[in-house]
Each structure stands twice: as structure tokens, then as C-alpha cells.
């Protein structure tokens, strides 16, 4: 019965994000909306199996839903809504509240992720401000404990996608592709595997 409730929460939260995205001007295809619902359901089930019914499940589950939605938006528009990044950061604040004993490490993780991605943006121009803000928000969850893994996974997944796009001639070496999905999926993986 618990899994049924989790599926219901996942579907409702993703359906709600799809509606919000439409209302703020970030429409994406019905196919992607259904893919997001299915993926979000899988994510929530995995999180529930690890965390059970807990405040952490709610905070991390909602952050995952927002990150997943941001990925689909970034794929189409090559931008991430500031309101979504703010929501992830606020949920990160909730996570810090839950784990108050580690607040310094968690805050520092957010600062490290933000500053590292900011430097990449400034020196290479390879990503935008939304990517930087998203990374900072995820860093609030990973803290100093896992921020290095999060960063490595984000760039590693980006490199794999870039190579695949080149191999299958979907992009040339001079083209850009949205990096937000790599950051978001790395963050979601960190939530499932390490939190």
C-alpha cells in the first residue's frame, strides 16, 4: 500500500510541475510530460525504498521532481527557470534544517558547487547562470561529504553525452548542448545513492 501512495505522490507532484511549467511559459511536448511522470515515479520509489516515510523523503523527493522538470525545460529552451532553482535552494535549506548537526558542511557544499560552476561559466562560457544556480542548490544537499562526487558525475555524464552526440552526428564539436540535465541527473543520482 505504501508504494501506491508513493506513486500517487510522484504522479501528482510531476503533474503539478507540468502545469506550473505551462503557466510560466515553458511548455514542452506531451510525450516529455509523460516521460517525466514515469521517470519521477521511479525516482520517488527508489527514494522511498531508501528513506522510508520521513521529512527527508519529502524534501529530496520534491527537489528531484523540480530538477527533473528543469531538465526537460533546459533541453527545449536552454534555460532553467530562476523560480525552480530558488525552490531547489529553499528545499536545500529544509534539508539543512533536518540535518542541523551538519549545517556547516551542507552550506559549504552549496558554496563549493556554486563557485566551481561559476568559474567554469566565467572562464569557458560552457554553461549559463541557471546551471550554476542549480549546482549550488544541489550542493546544499550533498554538502562537503559528496560535492566532489556530484561535480565529477555531472561533468562525466556531460562528456559522455557530448561524445555520443558527436558519434551519432546530432551535434558538431562547435555546437552547444544544455548542461542542466547532466547537473540535474547527477544530483538526483546523488540523492538516491548517497543521501
Protein backbone atom coordinates (compact mmCIF):
# COMPACT_ATOMS: atom_id res chain seq x y z
CA UNK A 1 0.00 0.00 0.00
CA UNK A 2 2.90 2.37 0.74
CA UNK A 3 4.16 2.08 -2.84
CA UNK A 4 0.71 3.07 -4.11
CA UNK A 5 0.87 6.25 -2.02
CA UNK A 6 4.38 7.00 -3.29
CA UNK A 7 3.26 6.51 -6.90
CA UNK A 8 0.34 8.85 -6.25
CA UNK A 9 2.62 11.50 -4.70
CA UNK A 10 5.10 11.20 -7.58
CA UNK A 11 2.43 11.46 -10.27
CA UNK A 12 0.67 14.40 -8.60
CA UNK A 13 3.93 16.29 -7.97
CA UNK A 14 5.13 15.85 -11.56
CA UNK A 15 1.70 16.61 -13.00
CA UNK A 16 1.69 19.78 -10.89
CA UNK A 17 5.15 20.76 -12.16
CA UNK A 18 3.98 20.19 -15.73
CA UNK A 19 1.06 22.57 -15.15
CA UNK A 20 3.27 25.18 -13.46
CA UNK A 21 5.76 24.98 -16.33
CA UNK A 22 2.99 25.58 -18.86
CA UNK A 23 1.66 28.55 -16.87
CA UNK A 24 5.05 30.27 -16.64
CA UNK A 25 5.69 29.86 -20.37
CA UNK A 26 7.82 26.71 -20.54
CA UNK A 27 5.67 24.28 -22.49
CA UNK A 28 7.17 21.02 -23.61
CA UNK A 29 5.67 18.14 -25.54
CA UNK A 30 3.04 15.78 -24.09
CA UNK A 31 5.44 12.88 -24.68
CA UNK A 32 8.08 14.54 -22.48
CA UNK A 33 5.44 15.28 -19.87
CA UNK A 34 4.52 11.59 -19.69
CA UNK A 35 8.19 10.59 -19.67
CA UNK A 36 8.71 12.99 -16.77
CA UNK A 37 5.80 11.42 -14.86
CA UNK A 38 7.16 7.90 -15.39
CA UNK A 39 10.74 8.89 -14.50
CA UNK A 40 9.61 10.84 -11.44
CA UNK A 41 7.60 7.85 -10.23
CA UNK A 42 10.68 5.65 -10.49
CA UNK A 43 12.77 8.22 -8.64
CA UNK A 44 10.25 8.54 -5.79
CA UNK A 45 10.02 4.75 -5.45
CA UNK A 46 13.81 4.45 -5.20
CA UNK A 47 13.95 7.29 -2.68
CA UNK A 48 11.16 5.74 -0.61
CA UNK A 49 12.91 2.37 -0.53
CA UNK A 50 15.97 4.10 0.89
CA UNK A 51 14.43 6.76 3.15
CA UNK A 52 11.01 5.41 4.10
CA UNK A 53 8.36 7.85 5.28
CA UNK A 54 10.43 10.75 6.54
CA UNK A 55 10.82 14.51 6.19
CA UNK A 56 13.95 13.81 4.16
CA UNK A 57 11.86 11.88 1.62
CA UNK A 58 9.56 14.87 1.15
CA UNK A 59 12.35 17.41 0.75
CA UNK A 60 14.55 15.28 -1.51
CA UNK A 61 11.59 13.94 -3.50
CA UNK A 62 10.28 17.42 -4.27
CA UNK A 63 13.78 18.62 -5.17
CA UNK A 64 14.12 15.66 -7.55
CA UNK A 65 10.79 16.49 -9.18
CA UNK A 66 11.88 20.09 -9.75
CA UNK A 67 15.29 19.02 -11.08
CA UNK A 68 13.69 16.55 -13.48
CA UNK A 69 11.29 19.20 -14.76
CA UNK A 70 14.16 21.67 -15.13
CA UNK A 71 15.96 19.10 -17.30
CA UNK A 72 13.12 18.90 -19.79
CA UNK A 73 12.82 22.69 -19.88
CA UNK A 74 16.57 23.11 -20.40
CA UNK A 75 16.51 20.59 -23.24
CA UNK A 76 13.95 22.67 -25.11
CA UNK A 77 14.71 26.26 -24.11
CA UNK A 78 18.36 26.04 -22.99
CA UNK A 79 17.48 27.86 -19.80
CA UNK A 80 16.38 26.93 -16.32
CA UNK A 81 13.68 29.00 -14.58
CA UNK A 82 15.05 31.01 -11.65
CA UNK A 83 11.97 30.08 -9.64
CA UNK A 84 12.85 26.39 -9.97
CA UNK A 85 16.43 26.97 -8.85
CA UNK A 86 15.15 29.05 -5.94
CA UNK A 87 12.77 26.23 -4.97
CA UNK A 88 15.63 23.70 -5.00
CA UNK A 89 17.74 26.04 -2.84
CA UNK A 90 14.85 26.51 -0.39
CA UNK A 91 14.37 22.75 -0.20
CA UNK A 92 18.13 22.53 0.40
CA UNK A 93 17.55 24.88 3.33
CA UNK A 94 14.88 22.49 4.58
CA UNK A 95 17.36 19.63 4.26
CA UNK A 96 19.90 21.62 6.28
CA UNK A 97 17.23 22.22 8.93
CA UNK A 98 16.57 18.48 9.15
CA UNK A 99 20.29 17.75 9.49
CA UNK A 100 21.23 20.75 11.65
CA UNK A 101 24.25 18.99 13.14
CA UNK A 102 25.91 19.14 9.71
CA UNK A 103 24.77 22.62 8.65
CA UNK A 104 28.31 23.94 8.10
CA UNK A 105 29.28 21.06 5.82
CA UNK A 106 25.99 21.28 3.92
CA UNK A 107 26.23 25.04 3.41
CA UNK A 108 29.86 24.73 2.36
CA UNK A 109 28.89 22.07 -0.19
CA UNK A 110 26.47 24.54 -1.76
CA UNK A 111 29.10 27.28 -1.84
CA UNK A 112 31.74 24.97 -3.35
CA UNK A 113 29.40 23.71 -6.08
CA UNK A 114 28.20 27.22 -6.89
CA UNK A 115 31.70 28.71 -7.07
CA UNK A 116 33.17 25.87 -9.11
CA UNK A 117 30.40 26.01 -11.71
CA UNK A 118 30.60 29.82 -11.68
CA UNK A 119 34.30 29.62 -12.54
CA UNK A 120 33.55 27.21 -15.38
CA UNK A 121 30.90 29.61 -16.67
CA UNK A 122 33.19 32.64 -16.46
CA UNK A 123 36.30 31.05 -17.93
CA UNK A 124 34.74 28.81 -20.60
CA UNK A 125 31.25 30.15 -21.27
CA UNK A 126 30.23 26.50 -21.49
CA UNK A 127 27.20 26.91 -19.26
CA UNK A 128 24.73 29.51 -18.12
CA UNK A 129 23.72 31.09 -14.86
CA UNK A 130 20.85 28.65 -14.38
CA UNK A 131 23.31 25.75 -14.41
CA UNK A 132 25.44 27.49 -11.77
CA UNK A 133 22.45 28.18 -9.52
CA UNK A 134 21.18 24.63 -9.92
CA UNK A 135 24.57 23.21 -8.94
CA UNK A 136 24.66 25.44 -5.86
CA UNK A 137 21.21 24.24 -4.82
CA UNK A 138 22.18 20.59 -5.20
CA UNK A 139 25.39 21.26 -3.27
CA UNK A 140 23.25 22.16 -0.24
CA UNK A 141 22.10 18.53 -0.21
CA UNK A 142 25.46 16.89 -0.92
CA UNK A 143 27.45 19.05 1.46
CA UNK A 144 31.19 18.64 1.56
CA UNK A 145 30.58 14.93 2.02
CA UNK A 146 29.63 14.26 -1.60
CA UNK A 147 30.08 17.53 -3.51
CA UNK A 148 33.17 16.25 -5.33
CA UNK A 149 31.31 13.12 -6.49
CA UNK A 150 28.38 15.25 -7.64
CA UNK A 151 30.67 17.51 -9.66
CA UNK A 152 32.58 14.60 -11.21
CA UNK A 153 29.35 12.79 -12.14
CA UNK A 154 27.89 15.94 -13.70
CA UNK A 155 30.92 16.57 -15.90
CA UNK A 156 31.41 12.87 -16.68
CA UNK A 157 27.80 12.49 -17.82
CA UNK A 158 28.17 15.68 -19.88
CA UNK A 159 31.28 14.29 -21.55
CA UNK A 160 29.55 11.01 -22.38
CA UNK A 161 26.55 12.81 -23.87
CA UNK A 162 28.82 15.11 -25.89
CA UNK A 163 30.74 12.14 -27.32
CA UNK A 164 27.51 10.31 -28.18
CA UNK A 165 26.10 13.41 -29.89
CA UNK A 166 29.29 13.68 -31.96
CA UNK A 167 29.35 9.98 -32.83
CA UNK A 168 25.74 9.98 -33.96
CA UNK A 169 26.26 13.33 -35.71
CA UNK A 170 23.48 15.05 -33.79
CA UNK A 171 25.86 17.91 -32.96
CA UNK A 172 29.19 19.18 -34.23
CA UNK A 173 32.12 19.96 -31.97
CA UNK A 174 31.25 23.67 -32.15
CA UNK A 175 27.59 23.22 -31.15
CA UNK A 176 26.36 23.69 -27.61
CA UNK A 177 24.01 21.42 -25.73
CA UNK A 178 22.18 22.10 -22.48
CA UNK A 179 24.22 21.04 -19.46
CA UNK A 180 21.35 21.39 -16.96
CA UNK A 181 20.11 17.82 -17.47
CA UNK A 182 23.59 16.49 -16.67
CA UNK A 183 23.68 18.52 -13.46
CA UNK A 184 20.11 17.58 -12.52
CA UNK A 185 20.52 13.86 -13.19
CA UNK A 186 23.81 13.83 -11.30
CA UNK A 187 22.03 15.48 -8.37
CA UNK A 188 19.16 13.01 -8.48
CA UNK A 189 21.65 10.14 -8.59
CA UNK A 190 23.39 11.61 -5.53
CA UNK A 191 20.05 11.77 -3.72
CA UNK A 192 19.28 8.13 -4.49
CA UNK A 193 22.75 6.70 -3.92
CA UNK A 194 24.22 8.73 -1.07
CA UNK A 195 21.61 10.64 0.94
